[in-house]
Amino acid sequence: MAAGTVVSRGERVRPQLLLVAALGVWTHADMFNIANTVPNMLYILLAGGVFNAVLVPQLVRAMRRTTTAETAYTNRIVTLAALFLAGGDRGAGARGTDG
């Protein structure tokens, strides 16, 4: 377990070292770090709160019932979440290409 922790820490340092090599340690690196971190934090705060406060209780309630309507509701929500995640991933990959 300790070896896994050491490897994990090393893997976390590597991207930071690559950023330092590409951008330096001054203003450009700070601006990149802020621009990269702030949207992620806002997304986690907003989307995570909505997910935990609204969707999880609704899904648990629907899964406890075994009628066709609740099963269909659960299937629609899971499908919507999968499409949202797949669409978000596709958009992130498309940003880095030149066409």
N, C-alpha and C. Protein backbone atom coordinates (compact mmCIF):
# COMPACT_ATOMS: atom_id res chain seq x y z
N MET A 1 0.82 -1.18 0.00
CA MET A 1 0.00 0.00 0.00
C MET A 1 0.86 1.25 0.00
N ALA A 2 1.97 1.21 0.70
CA ALA A 2 2.87 2.36 0.74
C ALA A 2 3.47 2.61 -0.64
N ALA A 3 3.79 1.54 -1.37
CA ALA A 3 4.34 1.70 -2.71
C ALA A 3 3.32 2.36 -3.64
N GLY A 4 2.08 1.99 -3.50
CA GLY A 4 1.03 2.62 -4.30
C GLY A 4 0.89 4.10 -4.00
N THR A 5 1.03 4.46 -2.74
CA THR A 5 0.96 5.87 -2.35
C THR A 5 2.12 6.65 -2.95
N VAL A 6 3.31 6.07 -2.91
CA VAL A 6 4.48 6.74 -3.49
C VAL A 6 4.31 6.93 -4.98
N VAL A 7 3.83 5.91 -5.67
CA VAL A 7 3.61 6.02 -7.12
C VAL A 7 2.55 7.07 -7.41
N SER A 8 1.49 7.10 -6.62
CA SER A 8 0.43 8.08 -6.82
C SER A 8 0.95 9.51 -6.65
N ARG A 9 1.75 9.72 -5.64
CA ARG A 9 2.33 11.06 -5.41
C ARG A 9 3.23 11.45 -6.58
N GLY A 10 4.00 10.50 -7.05
CA GLY A 10 4.88 10.78 -8.20
C GLY A 10 4.10 11.12 -9.45
N GLU A 11 2.99 10.43 -9.65
CA GLU A 11 2.15 10.72 -10.81
C GLU A 11 1.50 12.09 -10.71
N ARG A 12 1.26 12.58 -9.52
CA ARG A 12 0.67 13.91 -9.35
C ARG A 12 1.69 15.01 -9.61
N VAL A 13 2.96 14.71 -9.38
CA VAL A 13 4.00 15.72 -9.56
C VAL A 13 4.36 15.89 -11.03
N ARG A 14 4.30 14.83 -11.80
CA ARG A 14 4.72 14.87 -13.20
C ARG A 14 3.99 15.93 -14.02
N PRO A 15 2.66 16.04 -14.00
CA PRO A 15 2.01 17.10 -14.78
C PRO A 15 2.44 18.50 -14.34
N GLN A 16 2.67 18.68 -13.04
CA GLN A 16 3.11 19.98 -12.56
C GLN A 16 4.50 20.31 -13.10
N LEU A 17 5.38 19.34 -13.15
CA LEU A 17 6.71 19.57 -13.70
C LEU A 17 6.66 19.89 -15.18
N LEU A 18 5.77 19.24 -15.91
CA LEU A 18 5.61 19.54 -17.33
C LEU A 18 5.09 20.96 -17.53
N LEU A 19 4.16 21.39 -16.68
CA LEU A 19 3.68 22.77 -16.78
C LEU A 19 4.78 23.78 -16.48
N VAL A 20 5.59 23.49 -15.50
CA VAL A 20 6.71 24.39 -15.18
C VAL A 20 7.68 24.45 -16.35
N ALA A 21 7.94 23.31 -16.98
CA ALA A 21 8.84 23.30 -18.12
C ALA A 21 8.26 24.07 -19.31
N ALA A 22 6.95 24.00 -19.50
CA ALA A 22 6.33 24.67 -20.65
C ALA A 22 6.07 26.14 -20.40
N LEU A 23 5.64 26.50 -19.20
CA LEU A 23 5.20 27.87 -18.94
C LEU A 23 6.15 28.66 -18.05
N GLY A 24 7.02 28.01 -17.35
CA GLY A 24 7.88 28.70 -16.40
C GLY A 24 7.20 28.77 -15.05
N VAL A 25 7.84 29.48 -14.12
CA VAL A 25 7.32 29.54 -12.76
C VAL A 25 6.73 30.89 -12.43
N TRP A 26 6.58 31.77 -13.37
CA TRP A 26 6.14 33.12 -13.07
C TRP A 26 4.69 33.34 -13.48
N THR A 27 4.39 34.47 -14.02
CA THR A 27 3.02 34.93 -14.24
C THR A 27 2.23 34.01 -15.17
N HIS A 28 2.83 33.53 -16.24
CA HIS A 28 2.09 32.68 -17.18
C HIS A 28 1.59 31.41 -16.50
N ALA A 29 2.43 30.82 -15.69
CA ALA A 29 2.03 29.59 -15.00
C ALA A 29 0.91 29.88 -13.99
N ASP A 30 0.99 31.01 -13.29
CA ASP A 30 -0.06 31.37 -12.34
C ASP A 30 -1.38 31.62 -13.04
N MET A 31 -1.34 32.35 -14.16
CA MET A 31 -2.58 32.62 -14.89
C MET A 31 -3.19 31.33 -15.43
N PHE A 32 -2.35 30.43 -15.94
CA PHE A 32 -2.86 29.16 -16.45
C PHE A 32 -3.48 28.34 -15.32
N ASN A 33 -2.82 28.31 -14.19
CA ASN A 33 -3.32 27.52 -13.06
C ASN A 33 -4.67 28.06 -12.58
N ILE A 34 -4.80 29.37 -12.49
CA ILE A 34 -6.07 29.96 -12.07
C ILE A 34 -7.16 29.69 -13.10
N ALA A 35 -6.84 29.89 -14.38
CA ALA A 35 -7.83 29.66 -15.44
C ALA A 35 -8.24 28.20 -15.52
N ASN A 36 -7.37 27.30 -15.13
CA ASN A 36 -7.68 25.88 -15.18
C ASN A 36 -8.43 25.43 -13.93
N THR A 37 -8.17 26.02 -12.78
CA THR A 37 -8.72 25.56 -11.52
C THR A 37 -10.09 26.14 -11.20
N VAL A 38 -10.30 27.42 -11.45
CA VAL A 38 -11.54 28.08 -11.04
C VAL A 38 -12.78 27.46 -11.70
N PRO A 39 -12.81 27.23 -13.02
CA PRO A 39 -14.01 26.60 -13.59
C PRO A 39 -14.27 25.21 -13.03
N ASN A 40 -13.21 24.45 -12.77
CA ASN A 40 -13.40 23.12 -12.19
C ASN A 40 -14.00 23.20 -10.79
N MET A 41 -13.54 24.15 -9.99
CA MET A 41 -14.09 24.29 -8.64
C MET A 41 -15.56 24.72 -8.70
N LEU A 42 -15.88 25.66 -9.58
CA LEU A 42 -17.28 26.11 -9.70
C LEU A 42 -18.18 24.97 -10.15
N TYR A 43 -17.70 24.19 -11.09
CA TYR A 43 -18.50 23.06 -11.57
C TYR A 43 -18.74 22.06 -10.45
N ILE A 44 -17.71 21.76 -9.68
CA ILE A 44 -17.87 20.81 -8.58
C ILE A 44 -18.85 21.34 -7.54
N LEU A 45 -18.74 22.61 -7.21
CA LEU A 45 -19.64 23.19 -6.21
C LEU A 45 -21.09 23.22 -6.69
N LEU A 46 -21.30 23.66 -7.92
CA LEU A 46 -22.67 23.80 -8.42
C LEU A 46 -23.28 22.48 -8.84
N ALA A 47 -22.61 21.75 -9.71
CA ALA A 47 -23.17 20.50 -10.22
C ALA A 47 -23.19 19.43 -9.13
N GLY A 48 -22.15 19.38 -8.31
CA GLY A 48 -22.11 18.39 -7.24
C GLY A 48 -23.22 18.60 -6.22
N GLY A 49 -23.50 19.86 -5.90
CA GLY A 49 -24.58 20.16 -4.96
C GLY A 49 -25.94 19.77 -5.51
N VAL A 50 -26.18 20.09 -6.77
CA VAL A 50 -27.45 19.72 -7.40
C VAL A 50 -27.59 18.21 -7.47
N PHE A 51 -26.51 17.55 -7.83
CA PHE A 51 -26.55 16.09 -7.96
C PHE A 51 -26.88 15.43 -6.63
N ASN A 52 -26.20 15.85 -5.58
CA ASN A 52 -26.42 15.23 -4.27
C ASN A 52 -27.75 15.62 -3.64
N ALA A 53 -28.21 16.83 -3.87
CA ALA A 53 -29.43 17.30 -3.22
C ALA A 53 -30.69 16.87 -3.94
N VAL A 54 -30.63 16.71 -5.25
CA VAL A 54 -31.85 16.46 -6.03
C VAL A 54 -31.86 15.08 -6.66
N LEU A 55 -30.85 14.77 -7.45
CA LEU A 55 -30.91 13.55 -8.25
C LEU A 55 -30.76 12.28 -7.42
N VAL A 56 -29.86 12.25 -6.48
CA VAL A 56 -29.64 11.03 -5.71
C VAL A 56 -30.89 10.63 -4.93
N PRO A 57 -31.54 11.54 -4.17
CA PRO A 57 -32.75 11.12 -3.48
C PRO A 57 -33.87 10.66 -4.42
N GLN A 58 -34.00 11.33 -5.56
CA GLN A 58 -35.02 10.94 -6.53
C GLN A 58 -34.74 9.55 -7.09
N LEU A 59 -33.49 9.28 -7.41
CA LEU A 59 -33.15 7.97 -7.95
C LEU A 59 -33.34 6.87 -6.91
N VAL A 60 -32.96 7.13 -5.68
CA VAL A 60 -33.14 6.12 -4.64
C VAL A 60 -34.62 5.83 -4.43
N ARG A 61 -35.42 6.88 -4.41
CA ARG A 61 -36.87 6.70 -4.24
C ARG A 61 -37.45 5.91 -5.41
N ALA A 62 -37.01 6.23 -6.63
CA ALA A 62 -37.54 5.53 -7.80
C ALA A 62 -37.06 4.09 -7.86
N MET A 63 -35.84 3.83 -7.41
CA MET A 63 -35.33 2.47 -7.46
C MET A 63 -35.97 1.57 -6.42
N ARG A 64 -36.45 2.14 -5.32
CA ARG A 64 -37.12 1.33 -4.30
C ARG A 64 -38.47 0.83 -4.78
N ARG A 65 -39.12 1.61 -5.60
CA ARG A 65 -40.39 1.19 -6.18
C ARG A 65 -40.08 0.34 -7.42
N THR A 66 -40.90 -0.63 -7.68
CA THR A 66 -40.62 -1.53 -8.79
C THR A 66 -41.63 -1.43 -9.91
N THR A 67 -42.35 -0.33 -10.00
CA THR A 67 -43.32 -0.19 -11.08
C THR A 67 -42.60 0.21 -12.36
N THR A 68 -43.28 0.07 -13.46
CA THR A 68 -42.71 0.38 -14.76
C THR A 68 -42.38 1.86 -14.89
N ALA A 69 -43.21 2.73 -14.34
CA ALA A 69 -42.97 4.17 -14.45
C ALA A 69 -41.68 4.58 -13.74
N GLU A 70 -41.44 4.05 -12.55
CA GLU A 70 -40.23 4.40 -11.83
C GLU A 70 -39.00 3.81 -12.49
N THR A 71 -39.12 2.61 -13.03
CA THR A 71 -37.99 2.02 -13.76
C THR A 71 -37.66 2.85 -15.00
N ALA A 72 -38.68 3.29 -15.70
CA ALA A 72 -38.46 4.14 -16.88
C ALA A 72 -37.82 5.47 -16.48
N TYR A 73 -38.27 6.04 -15.36
CA TYR A 73 -37.69 7.30 -14.87
C TYR A 73 -36.21 7.12 -14.56
N THR A 74 -35.88 6.05 -13.86
CA THR A 74 -34.48 5.78 -13.52
C THR A 74 -33.65 5.59 -14.79
N ASN A 75 -34.17 4.86 -15.75
CA ASN A 75 -33.45 4.65 -17.00
C ASN A 75 -33.22 5.96 -17.75
N ARG A 76 -34.22 6.84 -17.75
CA ARG A 76 -34.06 8.14 -18.43
C ARG A 76 -33.00 8.98 -17.76
N ILE A 77 -32.99 9.01 -16.44
CA ILE A 77 -32.01 9.82 -15.72
C ILE A 77 -30.60 9.29 -15.94
N VAL A 78 -30.42 7.98 -15.87
CA VAL A 78 -29.10 7.40 -16.08
C VAL A 78 -28.63 7.62 -17.51
N THR A 79 -29.54 7.50 -18.49
CA THR A 79 -29.18 7.75 -19.87
C THR A 79 -28.80 9.21 -20.08
N LEU A 80 -29.56 10.13 -19.50
CA LEU A 80 -29.24 11.55 -19.60
C LEU A 80 -27.87 11.85 -19.00
N ALA A 81 -27.57 11.28 -17.85
CA ALA A 81 -26.27 11.49 -17.21
C ALA A 81 -25.14 10.93 -18.09
N ALA A 82 -25.35 9.76 -18.67
CA ALA A 82 -24.32 9.18 -19.54
C ALA A 82 -24.09 10.03 -20.78
N LEU A 83 -25.17 10.53 -21.37
CA LEU A 83 -25.02 11.41 -22.54
C LEU A 83 -24.32 12.71 -22.17
N PHE A 84 -24.65 13.26 -21.02
CA PHE A 84 -24.01 14.49 -20.56
C PHE A 84 -22.52 14.27 -20.36
N LEU A 85 -22.15 13.18 -19.71
CA LEU A 85 -20.74 12.90 -19.48
C LEU A 85 -20.00 12.60 -20.77
N ALA A 86 -20.62 11.87 -21.68
CA ALA A 86 -19.99 11.57 -22.96
C ALA A 86 -19.83 12.84 -23.80
N GLY A 87 -20.82 13.71 -23.78
CA GLY A 87 -20.74 14.97 -24.52
C GLY A 87 -19.70 15.89 -23.95
N GLY A 88 -19.58 15.94 -22.63
CA GLY A 88 -18.56 16.77 -22.00
C GLY A 88 -17.17 16.28 -22.31
N ASP A 89 -16.98 14.97 -22.36
CA ASP A 89 -15.68 14.40 -22.67
C ASP A 89 -15.31 14.68 -24.12
N ARG A 90 -16.26 14.55 -25.01
CA ARG A 90 -16.00 14.78 -26.43
C ARG A 90 -15.63 16.24 -26.67
N GLY A 91 -16.28 17.16 -25.98
CA GLY A 91 -15.98 18.57 -26.14
C GLY A 91 -14.60 18.92 -25.62
N ALA A 92 -14.16 18.28 -24.53
CA ALA A 92 -12.85 18.57 -23.97
C ALA A 92 -11.75 18.09 -24.91
N GLY A 93 -11.97 16.96 -25.57
CA GLY A 93 -10.97 16.45 -26.49
C GLY A 93 -10.90 17.27 -27.77
N ALA A 94 -12.00 17.86 -28.17
CA ALA A 94 -12.03 18.61 -29.42
C ALA A 94 -11.31 19.94 -29.30
N ARG A 95 -11.17 20.48 -28.08
CA ARG A 95 -10.54 21.78 -27.91
C ARG A 95 -9.07 21.77 -28.29
N GLY A 96 -8.41 20.65 -28.09
CA GLY A 96 -6.98 20.60 -28.32
C GLY A 96 -6.57 20.33 -29.76
N THR A 97 -7.51 20.06 -30.63
CA THR A 97 -7.16 19.75 -32.02
C THR A 97 -7.25 20.98 -32.90
N ASP A 98 -6.45 20.97 -33.97
CA ASP A 98 -6.45 22.10 -34.89
C ASP A 98 -7.39 21.89 -36.07
N GLY A 99 -8.07 20.79 -36.12
CA GLY A 99 -9.08 20.64 -37.12
C GLY A 99 -8.81 19.62 -38.11
